[in-house]
């Protein structure tokens, strides 16, 4: 049995093939479009994650930098406090040397040796940054002077330090020991 092929059958098949081809083309375009959207979404998510990681990094870097600065400051303060505490313990020895130098002595060689030791100690204090607080004739400053009495005198103006009983010292700007003074009325 032979089938008769008609022209119409070919036309229908051609139209169907064109329709299928168009549908396939539309499906391909839709898939490509969806793929581009997925890639844009992925790029956006990656970009967002990158920004979050960058923000975390910058915050961590700033935190570390603050930690480093704080540590340096604490070390500096600790060194200053240790130096001030050590000097405070040695000051009574310096006071004793000063009294020995100012005391009457018949042996000039002994007195000269004591004076040399006293001057050497003062120079050592100066090298590490310890300074004597100027008091005599200065305006009374409760931050650096400890007034133990008031004296009526015409030699000094009122409010001026007129007598020093014990010298005061400071390390850089840190007070080690205030000067014990008398203040003129």
Protein backbone atom coordinates (compact mmCIF):
# COMPACT_ATOMS: atom_id res chain seq x y z
CA UNK A 1 0.00 0.00 0.00
CA UNK A 2 1.38 3.11 -1.02
CA UNK A 3 0.66 6.28 0.69
CA UNK A 4 0.04 9.24 -1.38
CA UNK A 5 2.06 12.19 -0.24
CA UNK A 6 0.29 15.38 -0.69
CA UNK A 7 1.67 18.84 -0.94
CA UNK A 8 -0.46 19.92 1.93
CA UNK A 9 1.24 17.45 4.22
CA UNK A 10 4.59 19.07 3.47
CA UNK A 11 3.19 22.49 4.06
CA UNK A 12 1.81 21.44 7.45
CA UNK A 13 5.13 19.87 8.39
CA UNK A 14 7.04 22.96 7.28
CA UNK A 15 4.75 25.20 9.32
CA UNK A 16 5.12 22.87 12.29
CA UNK A 17 8.90 22.88 11.94
CA UNK A 18 8.92 26.68 11.81
CA UNK A 19 6.70 26.85 14.87
CA UNK A 20 8.90 24.39 16.70
CA UNK A 21 11.99 26.31 15.64
CA UNK A 22 10.45 29.57 16.90
CA UNK A 23 9.46 27.92 20.19
CA UNK A 24 12.96 26.53 20.59
CA UNK A 25 14.42 29.97 19.85
CA UNK A 26 12.08 31.55 22.43
CA UNK A 27 13.01 28.85 24.99
CA UNK A 28 16.72 29.48 24.32
CA UNK A 29 16.25 33.25 24.77
CA UNK A 30 14.28 32.65 27.97
CA UNK A 31 16.98 30.33 29.34
CA UNK A 32 19.73 32.82 28.42
CA UNK A 33 17.74 35.63 30.05
CA UNK A 34 17.22 33.55 33.22
CA UNK A 35 20.92 32.68 33.24
CA UNK A 36 21.84 36.36 32.97
CA UNK A 37 19.47 37.16 35.85
CA UNK A 38 21.01 34.37 37.93
CA UNK A 39 24.50 35.69 37.14
CA UNK A 40 23.45 39.25 38.06
CA UNK A 41 21.97 37.95 41.33
CA UNK A 42 25.14 36.00 42.02
CA UNK A 43 27.32 39.01 41.18
CA UNK A 44 25.20 41.18 43.45
CA UNK A 45 25.46 38.66 46.29
CA UNK A 46 29.21 38.29 45.81
CA UNK A 47 29.59 42.07 45.69
CA UNK A 48 27.53 42.42 48.89
CA UNK A 49 29.56 39.71 50.63
CA UNK A 50 32.76 41.41 49.50
CA UNK A 51 31.57 44.74 50.94
CA UNK A 52 30.67 43.05 54.24
CA UNK A 53 34.08 41.38 54.43
CA UNK A 54 35.79 44.68 53.60
CA UNK A 55 33.81 46.41 56.36
CA UNK A 56 34.76 43.67 58.84
CA UNK A 57 38.40 43.97 57.82
CA UNK A 58 38.43 47.76 58.25
CA UNK A 59 36.78 47.50 61.66
CA UNK A 60 39.25 44.82 62.76
CA UNK A 61 42.16 46.89 61.47
CA UNK A 62 40.93 49.96 63.37
CA UNK A 63 40.43 47.90 66.51
CA UNK A 64 43.96 46.49 66.23
CA UNK A 65 45.40 49.95 65.64
CA UNK A 66 43.61 51.26 68.76
CA UNK A 67 44.90 48.26 70.73
CA UNK A 68 48.46 48.94 69.55
CA UNK A 69 48.24 52.63 70.51
CA UNK A 70 46.68 51.81 73.88
CA UNK A 71 49.42 49.25 74.59
CA UNK A 72 52.18 51.73 73.74
CA UNK A 73 50.54 54.33 76.00
CA UNK A 74 50.18 51.83 78.85
CA UNK A 75 53.83 50.78 78.54
CA UNK A 76 54.95 54.40 78.61
CA UNK A 77 52.79 55.13 81.66
CA UNK A 78 53.99 51.96 83.38
CA UNK A 79 57.63 52.95 82.81
CA UNK A 80 56.95 56.46 84.12
CA UNK A 81 55.17 55.13 87.20
CA UNK A 82 57.94 52.63 87.93
CA UNK A 83 60.59 55.35 87.58
CA UNK A 84 58.65 57.74 89.82
CA UNK A 85 58.12 55.02 92.45
CA UNK A 86 61.82 54.10 92.41
CA UNK A 87 62.92 57.72 92.70
CA UNK A 88 60.46 58.26 95.57
CA UNK A 89 62.21 55.48 97.47
CA UNK A 90 65.66 57.01 96.82
CA UNK A 91 64.74 60.62 97.70
CA UNK A 92 65.28 60.16 101.47
CA UNK A 93 68.85 59.09 100.69
CA UNK A 94 69.35 62.26 98.63
CA UNK A 95 67.91 64.33 101.50
CA UNK A 96 70.36 62.68 103.91
CA UNK A 97 73.28 63.41 101.60
CA UNK A 98 72.21 67.04 101.37
CA UNK A 99 72.05 67.35 105.17
CA UNK A 100 75.49 65.73 105.43
CA UNK A 101 76.93 68.19 102.89
CA UNK A 102 75.44 71.16 104.77
CA UNK A 103 76.58 69.93 108.19
CA UNK A 104 79.71 71.36 109.83
CA UNK A 105 82.71 69.11 109.35
CA UNK A 106 86.35 69.62 110.29
CA UNK A 107 87.62 67.12 107.71
CA UNK A 108 87.59 68.98 104.38
CA UNK A 109 88.46 65.83 102.39
CA UNK A 110 85.46 64.00 103.82
CA UNK A 111 83.18 66.96 103.13
CA UNK A 112 84.50 67.21 99.55
CA UNK A 113 83.80 63.48 98.99
CA UNK A 114 80.24 63.83 100.33
CA UNK A 115 79.69 66.85 98.07
CA UNK A 116 80.93 64.87 95.04
CA UNK A 117 78.56 61.99 95.84
CA UNK A 118 75.66 64.41 96.30
CA UNK A 119 76.36 66.17 92.98
CA UNK A 120 76.70 62.82 91.19
CA UNK A 121 73.33 61.70 92.52
CA UNK A 122 71.68 64.96 91.43
CA UNK A 123 73.17 64.58 87.91
CA UNK A 124 71.89 61.00 87.71
CA UNK A 125 68.41 62.20 88.63
CA UNK A 126 68.61 64.92 85.97
CA UNK A 127 69.65 62.37 83.31
CA UNK A 128 66.55 60.26 83.90
CA UNK A 129 64.28 63.32 83.91
CA UNK A 130 63.81 64.01 87.64
CA UNK A 131 63.66 67.73 88.42
CA UNK A 132 63.66 69.65 91.66
CA UNK A 133 60.53 71.77 92.11
CA UNK A 134 61.36 75.45 92.48
CA UNK A 135 59.68 76.71 95.62
CA UNK A 136 61.46 79.54 97.46
CA UNK A 137 60.04 82.90 96.38
CA UNK A 138 57.51 81.26 94.04
CA UNK A 139 53.74 81.71 94.22
CA UNK A 140 52.22 78.94 96.36
CA UNK A 141 50.85 76.19 94.10
CA UNK A 142 48.95 73.39 95.88
CA UNK A 143 49.76 71.08 92.96
CA UNK A 144 53.49 71.23 93.79
CA UNK A 145 53.74 72.64 97.32
CA UNK A 146 52.53 71.30 100.65
CA UNK A 147 52.10 74.23 103.06
CA UNK A 148 52.73 73.18 106.64
CA UNK A 149 52.55 76.66 108.16
CA UNK A 150 51.98 80.34 107.45
CA UNK A 151 54.55 82.93 108.47
CA UNK A 152 54.08 86.68 108.90
CA UNK A 153 56.96 88.33 107.11
CA UNK A 154 57.67 91.48 105.19
CA UNK A 155 60.48 89.88 103.25
CA UNK A 156 58.05 88.04 100.91
CA UNK A 157 54.70 89.01 99.43
CA UNK A 158 51.56 87.33 100.69
CA UNK A 159 50.98 83.93 99.08
CA UNK A 160 54.67 83.41 98.25
CA UNK A 161 56.73 80.50 99.55
CA UNK A 162 59.09 81.94 102.15
CA UNK A 163 60.70 78.80 103.58
CA UNK A 164 61.40 75.28 102.25
CA UNK A 165 61.56 72.43 104.78
CA UNK A 166 61.83 69.58 102.29
CA UNK A 167 62.50 69.84 98.55
CA UNK A 168 59.91 68.59 96.11
CA UNK A 169 60.60 66.59 92.95
CA UNK A 170 58.81 65.67 89.75
CA UNK A 171 59.50 63.16 87.00
CA UNK A 172 58.72 64.80 83.69
CA UNK A 173 55.27 66.25 84.57
CA UNK A 174 54.41 63.63 87.23
CA UNK A 175 54.71 64.81 90.83
CA UNK A 176 56.88 62.49 92.91
CA UNK A 177 56.91 64.47 96.14
CA UNK A 178 55.54 67.95 96.84
CA UNK A 179 57.83 70.50 98.48
CA UNK A 180 57.04 71.06 102.17
CA UNK A 181 56.95 74.81 102.60
CA UNK A 182 55.92 77.77 104.69
CA UNK A 183 53.83 80.46 103.02
CA UNK A 184 54.01 84.18 103.72
CA UNK A 185 50.86 85.89 105.03
